[in-house]
Amino acid sequence: MSGQEDVPPIDFITFVLSLSAQALVHLGAAVPGGPAPELDLPLARHTIDILGILEAKTHGNLTGEEERILSQVLTDLRLRYVEATKKK
């Protein structure tokens, strides 16, 4: 299977970072080599809410690193979302 070496291992942190990247794209962040970003606040909010559900449902079941990354990602995305709603 060619290309499998380039795919990061699937774990909780990778999953969280993947959802975070998706939310950033919906918030208008540029993707290197991709098309011009489009702001899609409803999809950004939806993805941020999914991460919030993950935080609530996994409370007490994460490693310290997993908990820290999820918390930081959510804080960053929520702040960016608020900023994006002010610009619209």
C-alpha atoms as a PDB file:
ATOM      1  CA  MET A   1       0.000   0.000   0.000  1.00  0.00           C
ATOM      2  CA  SER A   2       1.831   3.061  -1.162  1.00  0.00           C
ATOM      3  CA  GLY A   3       1.353   6.273   0.787  1.00  0.00           C
ATOM      4  CA  GLN A   4       0.526   4.542   4.072  1.00  0.00           C
ATOM      5  CA  GLU A   5       3.899   5.590   5.499  1.00  0.00           C
ATOM      6  CA  ASP A   6       2.871   9.258   5.232  1.00  0.00           C
ATOM      7  CA  VAL A   7      -0.285   8.845   7.292  1.00  0.00           C
ATOM      8  CA  PRO A   8       0.155   9.533  11.020  1.00  0.00           C
ATOM      9  CA  PRO A   9      -0.916   6.822  13.431  1.00  0.00           C
ATOM     10  CA  ILE A  10      -4.545   7.055  14.485  1.00  0.00           C
ATOM     11  CA  ASP A  11      -4.874   7.987  18.120  1.00  0.00           C
ATOM     12  CA  PHE A  12      -6.955  10.399  20.163  1.00  0.00           C
ATOM     13  CA  ILE A  13      -4.583  13.342  19.684  1.00  0.00           C
ATOM     14  CA  THR A  14      -4.456  12.840  15.922  1.00  0.00           C
ATOM     15  CA  PHE A  15      -8.261  12.705  15.846  1.00  0.00           C
ATOM     16  CA  VAL A  16      -8.547  15.943  17.848  1.00  0.00           C
ATOM     17  CA  LEU A  17      -5.982  17.706  15.664  1.00  0.00           C
ATOM     18  CA  SER A  18      -7.784  16.511  12.535  1.00  0.00           C
ATOM     19  CA  LEU A  19     -11.078  17.984  13.753  1.00  0.00           C
ATOM     20  CA  SER A  20      -9.240  21.143  14.751  1.00  0.00           C
ATOM     21  CA  ALA A  21      -7.778  21.504  11.261  1.00  0.00           C
ATOM     22  CA  GLN A  22     -11.228  21.033   9.788  1.00  0.00           C
ATOM     23  CA  ALA A  23     -12.650  23.757  12.027  1.00  0.00           C
ATOM     24  CA  LEU A  24      -9.791  26.099  11.110  1.00  0.00           C
ATOM     25  CA  VAL A  25     -10.562  25.642   7.418  1.00  0.00           C
ATOM     26  CA  HIS A  26     -14.218  26.483   8.105  1.00  0.00           C
ATOM     27  CA  LEU A  27     -13.021  29.562   9.989  1.00  0.00           C
ATOM     28  CA  GLY A  28     -11.244  30.720   6.840  1.00  0.00           C
ATOM     29  CA  ALA A  29      -7.696  29.527   7.512  1.00  0.00           C
ATOM     30  CA  ALA A  30      -5.691  28.940   4.364  1.00  0.00           C
ATOM     31  CA  VAL A  31      -4.677  25.427   3.372  1.00  0.00           C
ATOM     32  CA  PRO A  32      -1.181  25.306   1.841  1.00  0.00           C
ATOM     33  CA  GLY A  33      -1.558  24.656  -1.871  1.00  0.00           C
ATOM     34  CA  GLY A  34      -5.340  24.708  -1.575  1.00  0.00           C
ATOM     35  CA  PRO A  35      -8.021  27.053  -2.820  1.00  0.00           C
ATOM     36  CA  ALA A  36      -8.689  30.420  -1.224  1.00  0.00           C
ATOM     37  CA  PRO A  37     -10.328  29.889   2.172  1.00  0.00           C
ATOM     38  CA  GLU A  38     -14.059  30.393   2.621  1.00  0.00           C
ATOM     39  CA  LEU A  39     -15.646  31.275   5.907  1.00  0.00           C
ATOM     40  CA  ASP A  40     -18.360  28.804   6.934  1.00  0.00           C
ATOM     41  CA  LEU A  41     -19.375  29.682  10.487  1.00  0.00           C
ATOM     42  CA  PRO A  42     -22.143  27.061  10.854  1.00  0.00           C
ATOM     43  CA  LEU A  43     -19.742  24.226   9.937  1.00  0.00           C
ATOM     44  CA  ALA A  44     -17.018  25.718  12.132  1.00  0.00           C
ATOM     45  CA  ARG A  45     -19.433  25.859  15.074  1.00  0.00           C
ATOM     46  CA  HIS A  46     -20.578  22.299  14.386  1.00  0.00           C
ATOM     47  CA  THR A  47     -17.006  20.974  14.483  1.00  0.00           C
ATOM     48  CA  ILE A  48     -16.197  22.980  17.617  1.00  0.00           C
ATOM     49  CA  ASP A  49     -19.328  21.538  19.253  1.00  0.00           C
ATOM     50  CA  ILE A  50     -18.174  18.007  18.349  1.00  0.00           C
ATOM     51  CA  LEU A  51     -14.880  18.679  20.110  1.00  0.00           C
ATOM     52  CA  GLY A  52     -16.813  20.024  23.101  1.00  0.00           C
ATOM     53  CA  ILE A  53     -18.853  16.821  23.249  1.00  0.00           C
ATOM     54  CA  LEU A  54     -15.640  14.796  23.118  1.00  0.00           C
ATOM     55  CA  GLU A  55     -14.272  16.827  26.012  1.00  0.00           C
ATOM     56  CA  ALA A  56     -17.383  16.238  28.113  1.00  0.00           C
ATOM     57  CA  LYS A  57     -17.719  12.550  27.294  1.00  0.00           C
ATOM     58  CA  THR A  58     -14.040  11.723  27.831  1.00  0.00           C
ATOM     59  CA  HIS A  59     -13.622  13.717  31.051  1.00  0.00           C
ATOM     60  CA  GLY A  60     -11.497  11.716  33.464  1.00  0.00           C
ATOM     61  CA  ASN A  61     -10.525   9.145  30.813  1.00  0.00           C
ATOM     62  CA  LEU A  62      -7.731  10.986  29.032  1.00  0.00           C
ATOM     63  CA  THR A  63      -4.016  11.158  29.627  1.00  0.00           C
ATOM     64  CA  GLY A  64      -2.661  14.493  30.792  1.00  0.00           C
ATOM     65  CA  GLU A  65      -1.334  15.250  27.329  1.00  0.00           C
ATOM     66  CA  GLU A  66      -4.641  14.351  25.631  1.00  0.00           C
ATOM     67  CA  GLU A  67      -6.598  16.501  28.064  1.00  0.00           C
ATOM     68  CA  ARG A  68      -4.202  19.447  27.641  1.00  0.00           C
ATOM     69  CA  ILE A  69      -4.287  19.317  23.845  1.00  0.00           C
ATOM     70  CA  LEU A  70      -8.070  19.026  23.688  1.00  0.00           C
ATOM     71  CA  SER A  71      -8.467  21.930  26.096  1.00  0.00           C
ATOM     72  CA  GLN A  72      -5.985  24.111  24.184  1.00  0.00           C
ATOM     73  CA  VAL A  73      -7.571  23.284  20.831  1.00  0.00           C
ATOM     74  CA  LEU A  74     -11.040  24.138  22.106  1.00  0.00           C
ATOM     75  CA  THR A  75      -9.896  27.400  23.692  1.00  0.00           C
ATOM     76  CA  ASP A  76      -8.132  28.472  20.502  1.00  0.00           C
ATOM     77  CA  LEU A  77     -11.016  27.506  18.211  1.00  0.00           C
ATOM     78  CA  ARG A  78     -13.621  29.179  20.406  1.00  0.00           C
ATOM     79  CA  LEU A  79     -11.615  32.420  20.447  1.00  0.00           C
ATOM     80  CA  ARG A  80     -11.141  32.288  16.681  1.00  0.00           C
ATOM     81  CA  TYR A  81     -14.853  31.613  16.221  1.00  0.00           C
ATOM     82  CA  VAL A  82     -15.780  34.655  18.301  1.00  0.00           C
ATOM     83  CA  GLU A  83     -13.334  36.798  16.301  1.00  0.00           C
ATOM     84  CA  ALA A  84     -14.727  35.474  13.015  1.00  0.00           C
ATOM     85  CA  THR A  85     -18.298  36.303  14.041  1.00  0.00           C
ATOM     86  CA  LYS A  86     -17.229  39.882  14.806  1.00  0.00           C
ATOM     87  CA  LYS A  87     -15.784  40.295  11.306  1.00  0.00           C
ATOM     88  CA  LYS A  88     -18.820  38.959   9.489  1.00  0.00           C
END
